[in-house]
């Protein structure tokens, strides 16, 4: 359960640490591969503000708030907002830290 909480928090992070609209636009239109604790997790975002991960086991909502991506999910109902690095595009990878640990994010 702690791992799923980390996934949803990092998914939120994946939506947001000093992120610009360009990075968040790339993340939410192309999706990400989140790598944490030896697992690669495909996260897909839809234009209607929803996301899925782990073959549909994790579902939730997302929104952009300035430079942050805010998410909530069936595993982490409380909304979490995280800022993303600036100027990231499809194919870029970067690390994001959360209270549950660090994850690598790759924009598809």
PDB file of N, CA and C in Angstrom:
ATOM      1  N   UNK A   1       0.830  -1.185   0.000  1.00  0.00           N
ATOM      2  CA  UNK A   1       0.000   0.000   0.000  1.00  0.00           C
ATOM      3  C   UNK A   1       0.874   1.248   0.000  1.00  0.00           C
ATOM      4  N   UNK A   2       1.986   1.226   0.732  1.00  0.00           N
ATOM      5  CA  UNK A   2       2.890   2.370   0.752  1.00  0.00           C
ATOM      6  C   UNK A   2       3.418   2.649  -0.650  1.00  0.00           C
ATOM      7  N   UNK A   3       3.688   1.573  -1.420  1.00  0.00           N
ATOM      8  CA  UNK A   3       4.183   1.744  -2.783  1.00  0.00           C
ATOM      9  C   UNK A   3       3.132   2.429  -3.648  1.00  0.00           C
ATOM     10  N   UNK A   4       1.856   2.015  -3.514  1.00  0.00           N
ATOM     11  CA  UNK A   4       0.794   2.645  -4.301  1.00  0.00           C
ATOM     12  C   UNK A   4       0.633   4.099  -3.904  1.00  0.00           C
ATOM     13  N   UNK A   5       0.787   4.392  -2.626  1.00  0.00           N
ATOM     14  CA  UNK A   5       0.732   5.777  -2.189  1.00  0.00           C
ATOM     15  C   UNK A   5       1.872   6.574  -2.813  1.00  0.00           C
ATOM     16  N   UNK A   6       3.044   5.957  -2.869  1.00  0.00           N
ATOM     17  CA  UNK A   6       4.191   6.611  -3.502  1.00  0.00           C
ATOM     18  C   UNK A   6       3.912   6.854  -4.969  1.00  0.00           C
ATOM     19  N   UNK A   7       3.294   5.892  -5.633  1.00  0.00           N
ATOM     20  CA  UNK A   7       2.973   6.036  -7.055  1.00  0.00           C
ATOM     21  C   UNK A   7       2.049   7.221  -7.275  1.00  0.00           C
ATOM     22  N   UNK A   8       0.997   7.303  -6.476  1.00  0.00           N
ATOM     23  CA  UNK A   8       0.063   8.405  -6.687  1.00  0.00           C
ATOM     24  C   UNK A   8       0.682   9.738  -6.336  1.00  0.00           C
ATOM     25  N   UNK A   9       1.526   9.769  -5.308  1.00  0.00           N
ATOM     26  CA  UNK A   9       2.210  11.017  -4.976  1.00  0.00           C
ATOM     27  C   UNK A   9       3.163  11.403  -6.076  1.00  0.00           C
ATOM     28  N   UNK A  10       3.900  10.447  -6.589  1.00  0.00           N
ATOM     29  CA  UNK A  10       4.841  10.751  -7.659  1.00  0.00           C
ATOM     30  C   UNK A  10       4.086  11.073  -8.936  1.00  0.00           C
ATOM     31  N   UNK A  11       2.952  10.443  -9.147  1.00  0.00           N
ATOM     32  CA  UNK A  11       2.141  10.809 -10.295  1.00  0.00           C
ATOM     33  C   UNK A  11       1.758  12.272 -10.169  1.00  0.00           C
ATOM     34  N   UNK A  12       1.440  12.675  -8.979  1.00  0.00           N
ATOM     35  CA  UNK A  12       1.161  14.080  -8.734  1.00  0.00           C
ATOM     36  C   UNK A  12       2.407  14.895  -8.988  1.00  0.00           C
ATOM     37  N   UNK A  13       3.528  14.387  -8.538  1.00  0.00           N
ATOM     38  CA  UNK A  13       4.796  15.068  -8.777  1.00  0.00           C
ATOM     39  C   UNK A  13       5.037  15.157 -10.262  1.00  0.00           C
ATOM     40  N   UNK A  14       4.658  14.132 -10.920  1.00  0.00           N
ATOM     41  CA  UNK A  14       4.845  14.112 -12.336  1.00  0.00           C
ATOM     42  C   UNK A  14       4.017  15.174 -12.976  1.00  0.00           C
ATOM     43  N   UNK A  15       3.120  15.706 -12.255  1.00  0.00           N
ATOM     44  CA  UNK A  15       2.308  16.812 -12.733  1.00  0.00           C
ATOM     45  C   UNK A  15       2.801  18.142 -12.238  1.00  0.00           C
ATOM     46  N   UNK A  16       3.940  18.171 -11.657  1.00  0.00           N
ATOM     47  CA  UNK A  16       4.241  19.448 -11.100  1.00  0.00           C
ATOM     48  C   UNK A  16       5.672  19.781 -10.682  1.00  0.00           C
ATOM     49  N   UNK A  17       7.677  20.342  -9.715  1.00  0.00           N
ATOM     50  CA  UNK A  17       8.776  20.937  -8.997  1.00  0.00           C
ATOM     51  C   UNK A  17       9.325  22.063  -9.891  1.00  0.00           C
ATOM     52  N   UNK A  18       8.740  23.291  -9.878  1.00  0.00           N
ATOM     53  CA  UNK A  18       9.145  24.392 -10.713  1.00  0.00           C
ATOM     54  C   UNK A  18       8.746  24.207 -12.151  1.00  0.00           C
ATOM     55  N   UNK A  19       7.697  23.472 -12.416  1.00  0.00           N
ATOM     56  CA  UNK A  19       7.323  23.136 -13.783  1.00  0.00           C
ATOM     57  C   UNK A  19       6.688  24.294 -14.501  1.00  0.00           C
ATOM     58  N   UNK A  20       6.955  24.366 -15.763  1.00  0.00           N
ATOM     59  CA  UNK A  20       6.295  25.366 -16.584  1.00  0.00           C
ATOM     60  C   UNK A  20       5.121  24.718 -17.263  1.00  0.00           C
ATOM     61  N   UNK A  21       4.263  25.536 -17.853  1.00  0.00           N
ATOM     62  CA  UNK A  21       3.131  25.020 -18.601  1.00  0.00           C
ATOM     63  C   UNK A  21       3.570  24.079 -19.702  1.00  0.00           C
ATOM     64  N   UNK A  22       4.741  24.338 -20.304  1.00  0.00           N
ATOM     65  CA  UNK A  22       5.216  23.473 -21.378  1.00  0.00           C
ATOM     66  C   UNK A  22       5.472  22.058 -20.879  1.00  0.00           C
ATOM     67  N   UNK A  23       6.135  21.907 -19.759  1.00  0.00           N
ATOM     68  CA  UNK A  23       6.394  20.583 -19.208  1.00  0.00           C
ATOM     69  C   UNK A  23       5.077  19.904 -18.849  1.00  0.00           C
ATOM     70  N   UNK A  24       4.217  20.614 -18.174  1.00  0.00           N
ATOM     71  CA  UNK A  24       2.939  20.025 -17.773  1.00  0.00           C
ATOM     72  C   UNK A  24       2.085  19.674 -18.977  1.00  0.00           C
ATOM     73  N   UNK A  25       2.155  20.490 -20.007  1.00  0.00           N
ATOM     74  CA  UNK A  25       1.427  20.187 -21.236  1.00  0.00           C
ATOM     75  C   UNK A  25       1.948  18.883 -21.851  1.00  0.00           C
ATOM     76  N   UNK A  26       3.252  18.727 -21.893  1.00  0.00           N
ATOM     77  CA  UNK A  26       3.860  17.496 -22.418  1.00  0.00           C
ATOM     78  C   UNK A  26       3.441  16.285 -21.582  1.00  0.00           C
ATOM     79  N   UNK A  27       3.521  16.431 -20.272  1.00  0.00           N
ATOM     80  CA  UNK A  27       3.168  15.329 -19.368  1.00  0.00           C
ATOM     81  C   UNK A  27       1.718  14.903 -19.568  1.00  0.00           C
ATOM     82  N   UNK A  28       0.813  15.872 -19.558  1.00  0.00           N
ATOM     83  CA  UNK A  28      -0.613  15.531 -19.585  1.00  0.00           C
ATOM     84  C   UNK A  28      -1.133  15.175 -20.972  1.00  0.00           C
ATOM     85  N   UNK A  29      -0.428  15.522 -22.019  1.00  0.00           N
ATOM     86  CA  UNK A  29      -0.878  15.110 -23.349  1.00  0.00           C
ATOM     87  C   UNK A  29      -0.193  13.837 -23.831  1.00  0.00           C
ATOM     88  N   UNK A  30       1.033  13.609 -23.404  1.00  0.00           N
ATOM     89  CA  UNK A  30       1.781  12.432 -23.885  1.00  0.00           C
ATOM     90  C   UNK A  30       1.824  11.297 -22.885  1.00  0.00           C
ATOM     91  N   UNK A  31       1.691  11.622 -21.586  1.00  0.00           N
ATOM     92  CA  UNK A  31       1.790  10.610 -20.547  1.00  0.00           C
ATOM     93  C   UNK A  31       3.229  10.432 -20.095  1.00  0.00           C
ATOM     94  N   UNK A  32       3.405   9.583 -19.099  1.00  0.00           N
ATOM     95  CA  UNK A  32       4.738   9.363 -18.531  1.00  0.00           C
ATOM     96  C   UNK A  32       4.966   7.887 -18.233  1.00  0.00           C
ATOM     97  N   UNK A  33       6.228   7.550 -18.068  1.00  0.00           N
ATOM     98  CA  UNK A  33       6.633   6.289 -17.473  1.00  0.00           C
ATOM     99  C   UNK A  33       7.291   6.672 -16.151  1.00  0.00           C
ATOM    100  N   UNK A  34       6.716   6.207 -15.060  1.00  0.00           N
ATOM    101  CA  UNK A  34       7.219   6.493 -13.731  1.00  0.00           C
ATOM    102  C   UNK A  34       8.022   5.283 -13.270  1.00  0.00           C
ATOM    103  N   UNK A  35       9.278   5.477 -12.918  1.00  0.00           N
ATOM    104  CA  UNK A  35      10.131   4.385 -12.451  1.00  0.00           C
ATOM    105  C   UNK A  35      10.439   4.590 -10.973  1.00  0.00           C
ATOM    106  N   UNK A  36      10.000   3.619 -10.164  1.00  0.00           N
ATOM    107  CA  UNK A  36      10.228   3.697  -8.717  1.00  0.00           C
ATOM    108  C   UNK A  36      10.290   2.291  -8.145  1.00  0.00           C
ATOM    109  N   UNK A  37      11.161   2.085  -7.204  1.00  0.00           N
ATOM    110  CA  UNK A  37      11.295   0.810  -6.505  1.00  0.00           C
ATOM    111  C   UNK A  37      11.391  -0.366  -7.470  1.00  0.00           C
ATOM    112  N   UNK A  38      12.136  -0.163  -8.561  1.00  0.00           N
ATOM    113  CA  UNK A  38      12.358  -1.235  -9.524  1.00  0.00           C
ATOM    114  C   UNK A  38      11.209  -1.522 -10.474  1.00  0.00           C
ATOM    115  N   UNK A  39      10.187  -0.691 -10.475  1.00  0.00           N
ATOM    116  CA  UNK A  39       9.041  -0.888 -11.370  1.00  0.00           C
ATOM    117  C   UNK A  39       8.903   0.291 -12.326  1.00  0.00           C
ATOM    118  N   UNK A  40       8.480  -0.010 -13.553  1.00  0.00           N
ATOM    119  CA  UNK A  40       8.138   1.018 -14.535  1.00  0.00           C
ATOM    120  C   UNK A  40       6.623   1.039 -14.660  1.00  0.00           C
ATOM    121  N   UNK A  41       6.036   2.206 -14.425  1.00  0.00           N
ATOM    122  CA  UNK A  41       4.582   2.336 -14.418  1.00  0.00           C
ATOM    123  C   UNK A  41       4.158   3.345 -15.468  1.00  0.00           C
ATOM    124  N   UNK A  42       3.309   2.888 -16.367  1.00  0.00           N
ATOM    125  CA  UNK A  42       2.765   3.725 -17.431  1.00  0.00           C
ATOM    126  C   UNK A  42       1.598   4.526 -16.863  1.00  0.00           C
ATOM    127  N   UNK A  43       1.685   5.855 -16.968  1.00  0.00           N
ATOM    128  CA  UNK A  43       0.613   6.733 -16.494  1.00  0.00           C
ATOM    129  C   UNK A  43       0.076   7.497 -17.698  1.00  0.00           C
ATOM    130  N   UNK A  44      -1.240   7.410 -17.880  1.00  0.00           N
ATOM    131  CA  UNK A  44      -1.901   8.063 -19.010  1.00  0.00           C
ATOM    132  C   UNK A  44      -2.883   9.103 -18.490  1.00  0.00           C
ATOM    133  N   UNK A  45      -2.846  10.291 -19.091  1.00  0.00           N
ATOM    134  CA  UNK A  45      -3.733  11.382 -18.726  1.00  0.00           C
ATOM    135  C   UNK A  45      -4.700  11.635 -19.878  1.00  0.00           C
ATOM    136  N   UNK A  46      -5.941  11.979 -19.547  1.00  0.00           N
ATOM    137  CA  UNK A  46      -6.917  12.297 -20.581  1.00  0.00           C
ATOM    138  C   UNK A  46      -7.323  13.764 -20.479  1.00  0.00           C
ATOM    139  N   UNK A  47      -7.780  14.350 -21.593  1.00  0.00           N
ATOM    140  CA  UNK A  47      -8.121  15.775 -21.602  1.00  0.00           C
ATOM    141  C   UNK A  47      -9.229  16.155 -20.618  1.00  0.00           C
ATOM    142  N   UNK A  48     -10.029  15.170 -20.197  1.00  0.00           N
ATOM    143  CA  UNK A  48     -11.121  15.478 -19.269  1.00  0.00           C
ATOM    144  C   UNK A  48     -10.681  15.515 -17.806  1.00  0.00           C
ATOM    145  N   UNK A  49      -9.347  15.526 -17.574  1.00  0.00           N
ATOM    146  CA  UNK A  49      -8.835  15.665 -16.223  1.00  0.00           C
ATOM    147  C   UNK A  49      -8.742  14.374 -15.434  1.00  0.00           C
ATOM    148  N   UNK A  50      -8.641  13.248 -16.126  1.00  0.00           N
ATOM    149  CA  UNK A  50      -8.516  11.960 -15.442  1.00  0.00           C
ATOM    150  C   UNK A  50      -7.187  11.306 -15.807  1.00  0.00           C
ATOM    151  N   UNK A  51      -6.714  10.382 -14.950  1.00  0.00           N
ATOM    152  CA  UNK A  51      -5.525   9.609 -15.267  1.00  0.00           C
ATOM    153  C   UNK A  51      -5.695   8.171 -14.797  1.00  0.00           C
ATOM    154  N   UNK A  52      -4.925   7.275 -15.418  1.00  0.00           N
ATOM    155  CA  UNK A  52      -4.902   5.875 -15.015  1.00  0.00           C
ATOM    156  C   UNK A  52      -3.454   5.407 -14.974  1.00  0.00           C
ATOM    157  N   UNK A  53      -3.210   4.406 -14.115  1.00  0.00           N
ATOM    158  CA  UNK A  53      -1.889   3.799 -14.000  1.00  0.00           C
ATOM    159  C   UNK A  53      -2.074   2.352 -13.559  1.00  0.00           C
ATOM    160  N   UNK A  54      -1.004   1.582 -13.678  1.00  0.00           N
ATOM    161  CA  UNK A  54      -1.003   0.180 -13.264  1.00  0.00           C
ATOM    162  C   UNK A  54      -2.179  -0.590 -13.874  1.00  0.00           C
ATOM    163  N   UNK A  55      -2.307  -0.474 -15.202  1.00  0.00           N
ATOM    164  CA  UNK A  55      -3.364  -1.178 -15.940  1.00  0.00           C
ATOM    165  C   UNK A  55      -4.756  -0.920 -15.368  1.00  0.00           C
ATOM    166  N   UNK A  56      -4.999   0.321 -14.956  1.00  0.00           N
ATOM    167  CA  UNK A  56      -6.307   0.713 -14.466  1.00  0.00           C
ATOM    168  C   UNK A  56      -6.521   0.493 -12.979  1.00  0.00           C
ATOM    169  N   UNK A  57      -5.539  -0.078 -12.277  1.00  0.00           N
ATOM    170  CA  UNK A  57      -5.692  -0.272 -10.834  1.00  0.00           C
ATOM    171  C   UNK A  57      -5.672   1.055 -10.085  1.00  0.00           C
ATOM    172  N   UNK A  58      -4.959   2.029 -10.621  1.00  0.00           N
ATOM    173  CA  UNK A  58      -4.928   3.367 -10.036  1.00  0.00           C
ATOM    174  C   UNK A  58      -5.653   4.293 -10.996  1.00  0.00           C
ATOM    175  N   UNK A  59      -6.677   4.963 -10.492  1.00  0.00           N
ATOM    176  CA  UNK A  59      -7.427   5.936 -11.290  1.00  0.00           C
ATOM    177  C   UNK A  59      -7.549   7.212 -10.473  1.00  0.00           C
ATOM    178  N   UNK A  60      -7.620   8.326 -11.176  1.00  0.00           N
ATOM    179  CA  UNK A  60      -7.740   9.578 -10.442  1.00  0.00           C
ATOM    180  C   UNK A  60      -8.003  10.758 -11.339  1.00  0.00           C
ATOM    181  N   UNK A  61      -7.883  11.926 -10.741  1.00  0.00           N
ATOM    182  CA  UNK A  61      -8.108  13.173 -11.465  1.00  0.00           C
ATOM    183  C   UNK A  61      -6.863  14.043 -11.382  1.00  0.00           C
ATOM    184  N   UNK A  62      -6.725  14.935 -12.353  1.00  0.00           N
ATOM    185  CA  UNK A  62      -5.600  15.860 -12.379  1.00  0.00           C
ATOM    186  C   UNK A  62      -6.087  17.238 -12.803  1.00  0.00           C
ATOM    187  N   UNK A  63      -5.307  18.231 -12.390  1.00  0.00           N
ATOM    188  CA  UNK A  63      -5.532  19.607 -12.851  1.00  0.00           C
ATOM    189  C   UNK A  63      -4.210  20.349 -12.727  1.00  0.00           C
ATOM    190  N   UNK A  64      -4.054  21.368 -13.542  1.00  0.00           N
ATOM    191  CA  UNK A  64      -2.860  22.207 -13.488  1.00  0.00           C
ATOM    192  C   UNK A  64      -3.201  23.462 -12.697  1.00  0.00           C
ATOM    193  N   UNK A  65      -2.338  23.788 -11.741  1.00  0.00           N
ATOM    194  CA  UNK A  65      -2.503  24.987 -10.925  1.00  0.00           C
ATOM    195  C   UNK A  65      -1.204  25.782 -11.038  1.00  0.00           C
ATOM    196  N   UNK A  66      -1.176  26.714 -11.963  1.00  0.00           N
ATOM    197  CA  UNK A  66       0.040  27.485 -12.199  1.00  0.00           C
ATOM    198  C   UNK A  66       1.148  26.580 -12.703  1.00  0.00           C
ATOM    199  N   UNK A  67       2.205  26.434 -11.921  1.00  0.00           N
ATOM    200  CA  UNK A  67       3.337  25.594 -12.308  1.00  0.00           C
ATOM    201  C   UNK A  67       3.266  24.210 -11.676  1.00  0.00           C
ATOM    202  N   UNK A  68       2.132  23.871 -11.089  1.00  0.00           N
ATOM    203  CA  UNK A  68       2.000  22.593 -10.394  1.00  0.00           C
ATOM    204  C   UNK A  68       0.930  21.713 -11.022  1.00  0.00           C
ATOM    205  N   UNK A  69       1.160  20.419 -10.914  1.00  0.00           N
ATOM    206  CA  UNK A  69       0.168  19.435 -11.298  1.00  0.00           C
ATOM    207  C   UNK A  69      -0.422  18.891 -10.012  1.00  0.00           C
ATOM    208  N   UNK A  70      -1.734  18.947  -9.910  1.00  0.00           N
ATOM    209  CA  UNK A  70      -2.434  18.487  -8.718  1.00  0.00           C
ATOM    210  C   UNK A  70      -3.219  17.235  -9.078  1.00  0.00           C
ATOM    211  N   UNK A  71      -3.100  16.202  -8.246  1.00  0.00           N
ATOM    212  CA  UNK A  71      -3.798  14.944  -8.498  1.00  0.00           C
ATOM    213  C   UNK A  71      -4.421  14.407  -7.219  1.00  0.00           C
ATOM    214  N   UNK A  72      -5.435  13.574  -7.421  1.00  0.00           N
ATOM    215  CA  UNK A  72      -5.991  12.740  -6.354  1.00  0.00           C
ATOM    216  C   UNK A  72      -6.356  11.420  -7.016  1.00  0.00           C
ATOM    217  N   UNK A  73      -6.385  10.346  -6.240  1.00  0.00           N
ATOM    218  CA  UNK A  73      -6.655   9.026  -6.828  1.00  0.00           C
ATOM    219  C   UNK A  73      -7.414   8.140  -5.859  1.00  0.00           C
ATOM    220  N   UNK A  74      -7.776   6.964  -6.366  1.00  0.00           N
ATOM    221  CA  UNK A  74      -8.461   5.994  -5.518  1.00  0.00           C
ATOM    222  C   UNK A  74      -7.555   5.495  -4.397  1.00  0.00           C
ATOM    223  N   UNK A  75      -6.240   5.605  -4.528  1.00  0.00           N
ATOM    224  CA  UNK A  75      -5.314   5.198  -3.475  1.00  0.00           C
ATOM    225  C   UNK A  75      -4.852   6.368  -2.611  1.00  0.00           C
ATOM    226  N   UNK A  76      -5.009   7.570  -3.106  1.00  0.00           N
ATOM    227  CA  UNK A  76      -4.585   8.770  -2.369  1.00  0.00           C
ATOM    228  C   UNK A  76      -5.635   9.854  -2.625  1.00  0.00           C
ATOM    229  N   UNK A  77      -6.783   9.785  -1.893  1.00  0.00           N
ATOM    230  CA  UNK A  77      -7.885  10.725  -2.157  1.00  0.00           C
ATOM    231  C   UNK A  77      -7.550  12.188  -1.910  1.00  0.00           C
ATOM    232  N   UNK A  78      -6.652  12.470  -0.979  1.00  0.00           N
ATOM    233  CA  UNK A  78      -6.288  13.865  -0.721  1.00  0.00           C
ATOM    234  C   UNK A  78      -5.483  14.406  -1.903  1.00  0.00           C
ATOM    235  N   UNK A  79      -5.859  15.562  -2.381  1.00  0.00           N
ATOM    236  CA  UNK A  79      -5.152  16.156  -3.521  1.00  0.00           C
ATOM    237  C   UNK A  79      -3.719  16.516  -3.131  1.00  0.00           C
ATOM    238  N   UNK A  80      -2.802  16.183  -4.038  1.00  0.00           N
ATOM    239  CA  UNK A  80      -1.387  16.516  -3.877  1.00  0.00           C
ATOM    240  C   UNK A  80      -0.963  17.338  -5.080  1.00  0.00           C
ATOM    241  N   UNK A  81      -0.239  18.432  -4.843  1.00  0.00           N
ATOM    242  CA  UNK A  81       0.244  19.283  -5.929  1.00  0.00           C
ATOM    243  C   UNK A  81       1.770  19.303  -5.907  1.00  0.00           C
ATOM    244  N   UNK A  82       2.365  19.155  -7.090  1.00  0.00           N
ATOM    245  CA  UNK A  82       3.823  19.098  -7.198  1.00  0.00           C
ATOM    246  C   UNK A  82       4.263  19.935  -8.398  1.00  0.00           C
ATOM    247  N   UNK A  83       5.389  20.593  -8.256  1.00  0.00           N
ATOM    248  CA  UNK A  83       5.957  21.392  -9.348  1.00  0.00           C
ATOM    249  C   UNK A  83       6.945  20.538 -10.132  1.00  0.00           C
ATOM    250  N   UNK A  84       6.990  20.703 -11.444  1.00  0.00           N
ATOM    251  CA  UNK A  84       7.901  19.951 -12.310  1.00  0.00           C
ATOM    252  C   UNK A  84       9.058  20.823 -12.779  1.00  0.00           C
ATOM    253  N   UNK A  85      10.145  20.206 -13.247  1.00  0.00           N
ATOM    254  CA  UNK A  85      11.259  20.994 -13.791  1.00  0.00           C
ATOM    255  C   UNK A  85      10.823  21.730 -15.057  1.00  0.00           C
ATOM    256  N   UNK A  86      11.508  22.781 -15.352  1.00  0.00           N
ATOM    257  CA  UNK A  86      11.177  23.601 -16.521  1.00  0.00           C
ATOM    258  C   UNK A  86      11.632  22.955 -17.818  1.00  0.00           C
ATOM    259  N   UNK A  87      10.903  23.295 -18.872  1.00  0.00           N
ATOM    260  CA  UNK A  87      11.305  23.039 -20.256  1.00  0.00           C
ATOM    261  C   UNK A  87      11.572  21.577 -20.596  1.00  0.00           C
ATOM    262  N   UNK A  88      10.794  20.658 -20.063  1.00  0.00           N
ATOM    263  CA  UNK A  88      10.940  19.240 -20.401  1.00  0.00           C
ATOM    264  C   UNK A  88      10.004  18.899 -21.552  1.00  0.00           C
ATOM    265  N   UNK A  89      10.482  18.023 -22.431  1.00  0.00           N
ATOM    266  CA  UNK A  89       9.735  17.624 -23.631  1.00  0.00           C
ATOM    267  C   UNK A  89       9.650  16.114 -23.715  1.00  0.00           C
ATOM    268  N   UNK A  90       8.894  15.629 -24.683  1.00  0.00           N
ATOM    269  CA  UNK A  90       8.768  14.199 -24.931  1.00  0.00           C
ATOM    270  C   UNK A  90      10.144  13.565 -25.070  1.00  0.00           C
ATOM    271  N   UNK A  91      10.365  12.454 -24.353  1.00  0.00           N
ATOM    272  CA  UNK A  91      11.651  11.765 -24.383  1.00  0.00           C
ATOM    273  C   UNK A  91      12.570  12.148 -23.249  1.00  0.00           C
ATOM    274  N   UNK A  92      12.312  13.280 -22.576  1.00  0.00           N
ATOM    275  CA  UNK A  92      13.146  13.710 -21.450  1.00  0.00           C
ATOM    276  C   UNK A  92      12.832  12.889 -20.208  1.00  0.00           C
ATOM    277  N   UNK A  93      13.867  12.663 -19.391  1.00  0.00           N
ATOM    278  CA  UNK A  93      13.732  12.001 -18.088  1.00  0.00           C
ATOM    279  C   UNK A  93      14.284  12.912 -17.013  1.00  0.00           C
ATOM    280  N   UNK A  94      13.710  12.822 -15.825  1.00  0.00           N
ATOM    281  CA  UNK A  94      14.163  13.624 -14.697  1.00  0.00           C
ATOM    282  C   UNK A  94      13.680  12.963 -13.417  1.00  0.00           C
ATOM    283  N   UNK A  95      14.346  13.276 -12.309  1.00  0.00           N
ATOM    284  CA  UNK A  95      13.985  12.729 -11.009  1.00  0.00           C
ATOM    285  C   UNK A  95      13.099  13.707 -10.257  1.00  0.00           C
ATOM    286  N   UNK A  96      12.116  13.148  -9.549  1.00  0.00           N
ATOM    287  CA  UNK A  96      11.254  13.930  -8.671  1.00  0.00           C
ATOM    288  C   UNK A  96      11.280  13.289  -7.294  1.00  0.00           C
ATOM    289  N   UNK A  97      11.404  14.109  -6.272  1.00  0.00           N
ATOM    290  CA  UNK A  97      11.423  13.605  -4.897  1.00  0.00           C
ATOM    291  C   UNK A  97      10.074  13.854  -4.237  1.00  0.00           C
ATOM    292  N   UNK A  98       9.675  12.892  -3.412  1.00  0.00           N
ATOM    293  CA  UNK A  98       8.457  13.017  -2.622  1.00  0.00           C
ATOM    294  C   UNK A  98       8.746  12.465  -1.236  1.00  0.00           C
ATOM    295  N   UNK A  99       7.828  12.634  -0.307  1.00  0.00           N
ATOM    296  CA  UNK A  99       8.044  12.061   1.024  1.00  0.00           C
ATOM    297  C   UNK A  99       8.238  10.540   0.991  1.00  0.00           C
ATOM    298  N   UNK A 100       7.703   9.873  -0.025  1.00  0.00           N
ATOM    299  CA  UNK A 100       7.836   8.429  -0.146  1.00  0.00           C
ATOM    300  C   UNK A 100       9.131   8.007  -0.839  1.00  0.00           C
ATOM    301  N   UNK A 101       9.887   8.954  -1.361  1.00  0.00           N
ATOM    302  CA  UNK A 101      11.136   8.626  -2.045  1.00  0.00           C
ATOM    303  C   UNK A 101      11.253   9.336  -3.378  1.00  0.00           C
ATOM    304  N   UNK A 102      12.265   8.956  -4.120  1.00  0.00           N
ATOM    305  CA  UNK A 102      12.530   9.573  -5.422  1.00  0.00           C
ATOM    306  C   UNK A 102      12.085   8.633  -6.535  1.00  0.00           C
ATOM    307  N   UNK A 103      11.535   9.201  -7.585  1.00  0.00           N
ATOM    308  CA  UNK A 103      11.135   8.435  -8.759  1.00  0.00           C
ATOM    309  C   UNK A 103      11.706   9.133  -9.991  1.00  0.00           C
ATOM    310  N   UNK A 104      11.940   8.354 -11.022  1.00  0.00           N
ATOM    311  CA  UNK A 104      12.359   8.903 -12.302  1.00  0.00           C
ATOM    312  C   UNK A 104      11.134   8.981 -13.196  1.00  0.00           C
ATOM    313  N   UNK A 105      10.956  10.116 -13.825  1.00  0.00           N
ATOM    314  CA  UNK A 105       9.838  10.351 -14.734  1.00  0.00           C
ATOM    315  C   UNK A 105      10.389  10.476 -16.136  1.00  0.00           C
ATOM    316  N   UNK A 106       9.788   9.759 -17.075  1.00  0.00           N
ATOM    317  CA  UNK A 106      10.123   9.913 -18.486  1.00  0.00           C
ATOM    318  C   UNK A 106       8.863  10.303 -19.225  1.00  0.00           C
ATOM    319  N   UNK A 107       8.907  11.420 -19.932  1.00  0.00           N
ATOM    320  CA  UNK A 107       7.758  11.850 -20.724  1.00  0.00           C
ATOM    321  C   UNK A 107       7.756  11.018 -21.999  1.00  0.00           C
ATOM    322  N   UNK A 108       6.608  10.407 -22.288  1.00  0.00           N
ATOM    323  CA  UNK A 108       6.487   9.565 -23.492  1.00  0.00           C
ATOM    324  C   UNK A 108       6.605  10.392 -24.743  1.00  0.00           C
TER     325      UNK A 108
END
